[in-house]
C-alpha cells in the first residue's frame, strides 16, 4: 500500500505541474490575445484617420469645384476676351481682395502718356 500511495502522490504532483504549465501557457496566450487586439484597434484607428482625411480632401475639392463653377457662372460670357486675355478660371482667384474701383482704372492709377 505504501508504494501505491507514493505512486499516486507522484501522479498528483505531475498533474499539478502540468496544470501549472498549462496555466502559464494560458496566461501567455491571454496576453498575446490582448496585445493582438490592441494592435488591431490601433490599426483600425489609423484606417479611420486615413478615411477621414480622404473624405475631407474630397469635400475640399468638391467645394473648390463648386466655388469655381459659381464664379464662372457670374462672369460675363465674353469676360475672358475683355482685355484680349484668356485666363483659366483658377486665375480669377488672384483678383480677390482688389478694391472695388480697381476695374474703373485697372492700370492702378497709371495713365498712359502721363509718365
C-alpha atoms as a PDB file:
ATOM      1  CA  UNK A   1       0.000   0.000   0.000  1.00  0.00           C
ATOM      2  CA  UNK A   2       2.781   2.442   0.785  1.00  0.00           C
ATOM      3  CA  UNK A   3       4.220   2.049  -2.713  1.00  0.00           C
ATOM      4  CA  UNK A   4       0.820   2.619  -4.285  1.00  0.00           C
ATOM      5  CA  UNK A   5       0.305   5.807  -2.227  1.00  0.00           C
ATOM      6  CA  UNK A   6       3.714   7.114  -3.287  1.00  0.00           C
ATOM      7  CA  UNK A   7       2.869   6.346  -6.890  1.00  0.00           C
ATOM      8  CA  UNK A   8      -0.437   8.243  -6.576  1.00  0.00           C
ATOM      9  CA  UNK A   9       1.279  11.197  -4.844  1.00  0.00           C
ATOM     10  CA  UNK A  10       3.796  11.340  -7.678  1.00  0.00           C
ATOM     11  CA  UNK A  11       0.964  11.311 -10.237  1.00  0.00           C
ATOM     12  CA  UNK A  12      -0.835  14.075  -8.321  1.00  0.00           C
ATOM     13  CA  UNK A  13       2.376  16.167  -8.347  1.00  0.00           C
ATOM     14  CA  UNK A  14       2.781  15.548 -12.087  1.00  0.00           C
ATOM     15  CA  UNK A  15      -0.832  16.606 -12.586  1.00  0.00           C
ATOM     16  CA  UNK A  16      -0.296  19.813 -10.579  1.00  0.00           C
ATOM     17  CA  UNK A  17       2.907  20.547 -12.503  1.00  0.00           C
ATOM     18  CA  UNK A  18       1.043  20.008 -15.779  1.00  0.00           C
ATOM     19  CA  UNK A  19      -1.722  22.329 -14.570  1.00  0.00           C
ATOM     20  CA  UNK A  20       0.858  24.984 -13.688  1.00  0.00           C
ATOM     21  CA  UNK A  21       2.477  24.710 -17.133  1.00  0.00           C
ATOM     22  CA  UNK A  22      -0.947  24.865 -18.771  1.00  0.00           C
ATOM     23  CA  UNK A  23      -1.922  27.895 -16.636  1.00  0.00           C
ATOM     24  CA  UNK A  24       1.266  29.728 -17.633  1.00  0.00           C
ATOM     25  CA  UNK A  25       0.615  28.905 -21.300  1.00  0.00           C
ATOM     26  CA  UNK A  26      -2.986  30.107 -20.859  1.00  0.00           C
ATOM     27  CA  UNK A  27      -1.823  33.379 -19.281  1.00  0.00           C
ATOM     28  CA  UNK A  28       0.696  33.907 -22.089  1.00  0.00           C
ATOM     29  CA  UNK A  29      -1.993  33.177 -24.673  1.00  0.00           C
ATOM     30  CA  UNK A  30      -4.312  35.725 -23.000  1.00  0.00           C
ATOM     31  CA  UNK A  31      -1.520  38.325 -23.014  1.00  0.00           C
ATOM     32  CA  UNK A  32      -0.775  37.584 -26.680  1.00  0.00           C
ATOM     33  CA  UNK A  33      -4.502  37.966 -27.398  1.00  0.00           C
ATOM     34  CA  UNK A  34      -4.608  41.303 -25.543  1.00  0.00           C
ATOM     35  CA  UNK A  35      -1.584  42.588 -27.485  1.00  0.00           C
ATOM     36  CA  UNK A  36      -3.071  41.437 -30.819  1.00  0.00           C
ATOM     37  CA  UNK A  37      -6.407  43.126 -30.040  1.00  0.00           C
ATOM     38  CA  UNK A  38      -4.662  46.368 -29.041  1.00  0.00           C
ATOM     39  CA  UNK A  39      -2.692  46.290 -32.300  1.00  0.00           C
ATOM     40  CA  UNK A  40      -5.872  45.722 -34.303  1.00  0.00           C
ATOM     41  CA  UNK A  41      -7.530  48.659 -32.533  1.00  0.00           C
ATOM     42  CA  UNK A  42      -4.572  50.950 -33.345  1.00  0.00           C
ATOM     43  CA  UNK A  43      -4.646  49.836 -36.979  1.00  0.00           C
ATOM     44  CA  UNK A  44      -8.401  50.448 -37.194  1.00  0.00           C
ATOM     45  CA  UNK A  45      -7.922  53.934 -35.756  1.00  0.00           C
ATOM     46  CA  UNK A  46      -5.226  54.628 -38.337  1.00  0.00           C
ATOM     47  CA  UNK A  47      -7.517  53.378 -41.108  1.00  0.00           C
ATOM     48  CA  UNK A  48     -10.334  55.600 -39.821  1.00  0.00           C
ATOM     49  CA  UNK A  49      -7.951  58.566 -39.829  1.00  0.00           C
ATOM     50  CA  UNK A  50      -6.923  57.821 -43.420  1.00  0.00           C
ATOM     51  CA  UNK A  51     -10.602  57.549 -44.401  1.00  0.00           C
ATOM     52  CA  UNK A  52     -11.440  60.859 -42.692  1.00  0.00           C
ATOM     53  CA  UNK A  53      -8.519  62.601 -44.390  1.00  0.00           C
ATOM     54  CA  UNK A  54      -9.602  61.259 -47.778  1.00  0.00           C
ATOM     55  CA  UNK A  55     -13.201  62.364 -47.159  1.00  0.00           C
ATOM     56  CA  UNK A  56     -12.013  65.824 -46.113  1.00  0.00           C
ATOM     57  CA  UNK A  57      -9.803  66.126 -49.194  1.00  0.00           C
ATOM     58  CA  UNK A  58     -12.698  65.123 -51.441  1.00  0.00           C
ATOM     59  CA  UNK A  59     -15.024  67.583 -49.692  1.00  0.00           C
ATOM     60  CA  UNK A  60     -12.494  70.404 -50.088  1.00  0.00           C
ATOM     61  CA  UNK A  61     -12.034  69.549 -53.763  1.00  0.00           C
ATOM     62  CA  UNK A  62     -15.808  69.467 -54.301  1.00  0.00           C
ATOM     63  CA  UNK A  63     -16.192  72.856 -52.577  1.00  0.00           C
ATOM     64  CA  UNK A  64     -13.411  74.297 -54.721  1.00  0.00           C
ATOM     65  CA  UNK A  65     -15.097  72.992 -57.873  1.00  0.00           C
ATOM     66  CA  UNK A  66     -18.469  74.394 -56.775  1.00  0.00           C
ATOM     67  CA  UNK A  67     -16.893  77.761 -55.943  1.00  0.00           C
ATOM     68  CA  UNK A  68     -15.136  77.784 -59.284  1.00  0.00           C
ATOM     69  CA  UNK A  69     -18.354  76.922 -61.120  1.00  0.00           C
ATOM     70  CA  UNK A  70     -20.230  79.661 -59.255  1.00  0.00           C
ATOM     71  CA  UNK A  71     -17.511  82.172 -60.088  1.00  0.00           C
ATOM     72  CA  UNK A  72     -17.607  81.149 -63.729  1.00  0.00           C
ATOM     73  CA  UNK A  73     -21.398  81.473 -63.772  1.00  0.00           C
ATOM     74  CA  UNK A  74     -21.100  85.062 -62.544  1.00  0.00           C
ATOM     75  CA  UNK A  75     -18.663  86.064 -65.280  1.00  0.00           C
ATOM     76  CA  UNK A  76     -19.984  87.703 -68.427  1.00  0.00           C
ATOM     77  CA  UNK A  77     -19.808  85.433 -71.466  1.00  0.00           C
ATOM     78  CA  UNK A  78     -17.002  87.460 -73.007  1.00  0.00           C
ATOM     79  CA  UNK A  79     -15.066  88.028 -69.762  1.00  0.00           C
ATOM     80  CA  UNK A  80     -12.025  86.181 -70.981  1.00  0.00           C
ATOM     81  CA  UNK A  81     -11.838  88.445 -74.022  1.00  0.00           C
ATOM     82  CA  UNK A  82     -12.492  91.725 -72.185  1.00  0.00           C
ATOM     83  CA  UNK A  83      -8.850  92.781 -72.430  1.00  0.00           C
ATOM     84  CA  UNK A  84      -7.779  90.296 -75.056  1.00  0.00           C
ATOM     85  CA  UNK A  85      -6.818  87.868 -72.308  1.00  0.00           C
ATOM     86  CA  UNK A  86      -7.642  84.239 -71.927  1.00  0.00           C
ATOM     87  CA  UNK A  87      -7.396  83.331 -68.232  1.00  0.00           C
ATOM     88  CA  UNK A  88      -8.124  79.995 -66.658  1.00  0.00           C
ATOM     89  CA  UNK A  89     -10.895  80.032 -64.015  1.00  0.00           C
ATOM     90  CA  UNK A  90      -8.378  79.377 -61.236  1.00  0.00           C
ATOM     91  CA  UNK A  91      -6.547  82.586 -62.223  1.00  0.00           C
ATOM     92  CA  UNK A  92      -9.607  84.669 -61.392  1.00  0.00           C
ATOM     93  CA  UNK A  93      -8.985  83.896 -57.711  1.00  0.00           C
ATOM     94  CA  UNK A  94      -5.935  86.165 -57.942  1.00  0.00           C
ATOM     95  CA  UNK A  95      -8.302  89.121 -58.214  1.00  0.00           C
ATOM     96  CA  UNK A  96      -9.796  88.513 -54.765  1.00  0.00           C
ATOM     97  CA  UNK A  97      -9.217  91.391 -52.396  1.00  0.00           C
ATOM     98  CA  UNK A  98      -8.842  94.053 -55.080  1.00  0.00           C
ATOM     99  CA  UNK A  99     -10.544  97.342 -54.271  1.00  0.00           C
ATOM    100  CA  UNK A 100     -13.991  97.705 -55.801  1.00  0.00           C
ATOM    101  CA  UNK A 101     -12.836 100.581 -58.017  1.00  0.00           C
ATOM    102  CA  UNK A 102      -9.950  98.564 -59.499  1.00  0.00           C
ATOM    103  CA  UNK A 103     -11.862  97.862 -62.689  1.00  0.00           C
ATOM    104  CA  UNK A 104     -12.605 101.546 -63.116  1.00  0.00           C
ATOM    105  CA  UNK A 105      -8.865 102.016 -63.599  1.00  0.00           C
ATOM    106  CA  UNK A 106      -7.213  98.595 -63.949  1.00  0.00           C
ATOM    107  CA  UNK A 107      -3.804 100.156 -64.509  1.00  0.00           C
ATOM    108  CA  UNK A 108      -3.786 101.199 -60.856  1.00  0.00           C
ATOM    109  CA  UNK A 109      -3.589 104.933 -61.344  1.00  0.00           C
ATOM    110  CA  UNK A 110      -1.113 104.810 -64.203  1.00  0.00           C
ATOM    111  CA  UNK A 111      -2.374 106.974 -67.010  1.00  0.00           C
ATOM    112  CA  UNK A 112      -0.826 106.201 -70.384  1.00  0.00           C
ATOM    113  CA  UNK A 113       1.206 109.071 -71.711  1.00  0.00           C
ATOM    114  CA  UNK A 114       1.373 110.920 -68.386  1.00  0.00           C
ATOM    115  CA  UNK A 115       4.789 109.431 -67.384  1.00  0.00           C
END
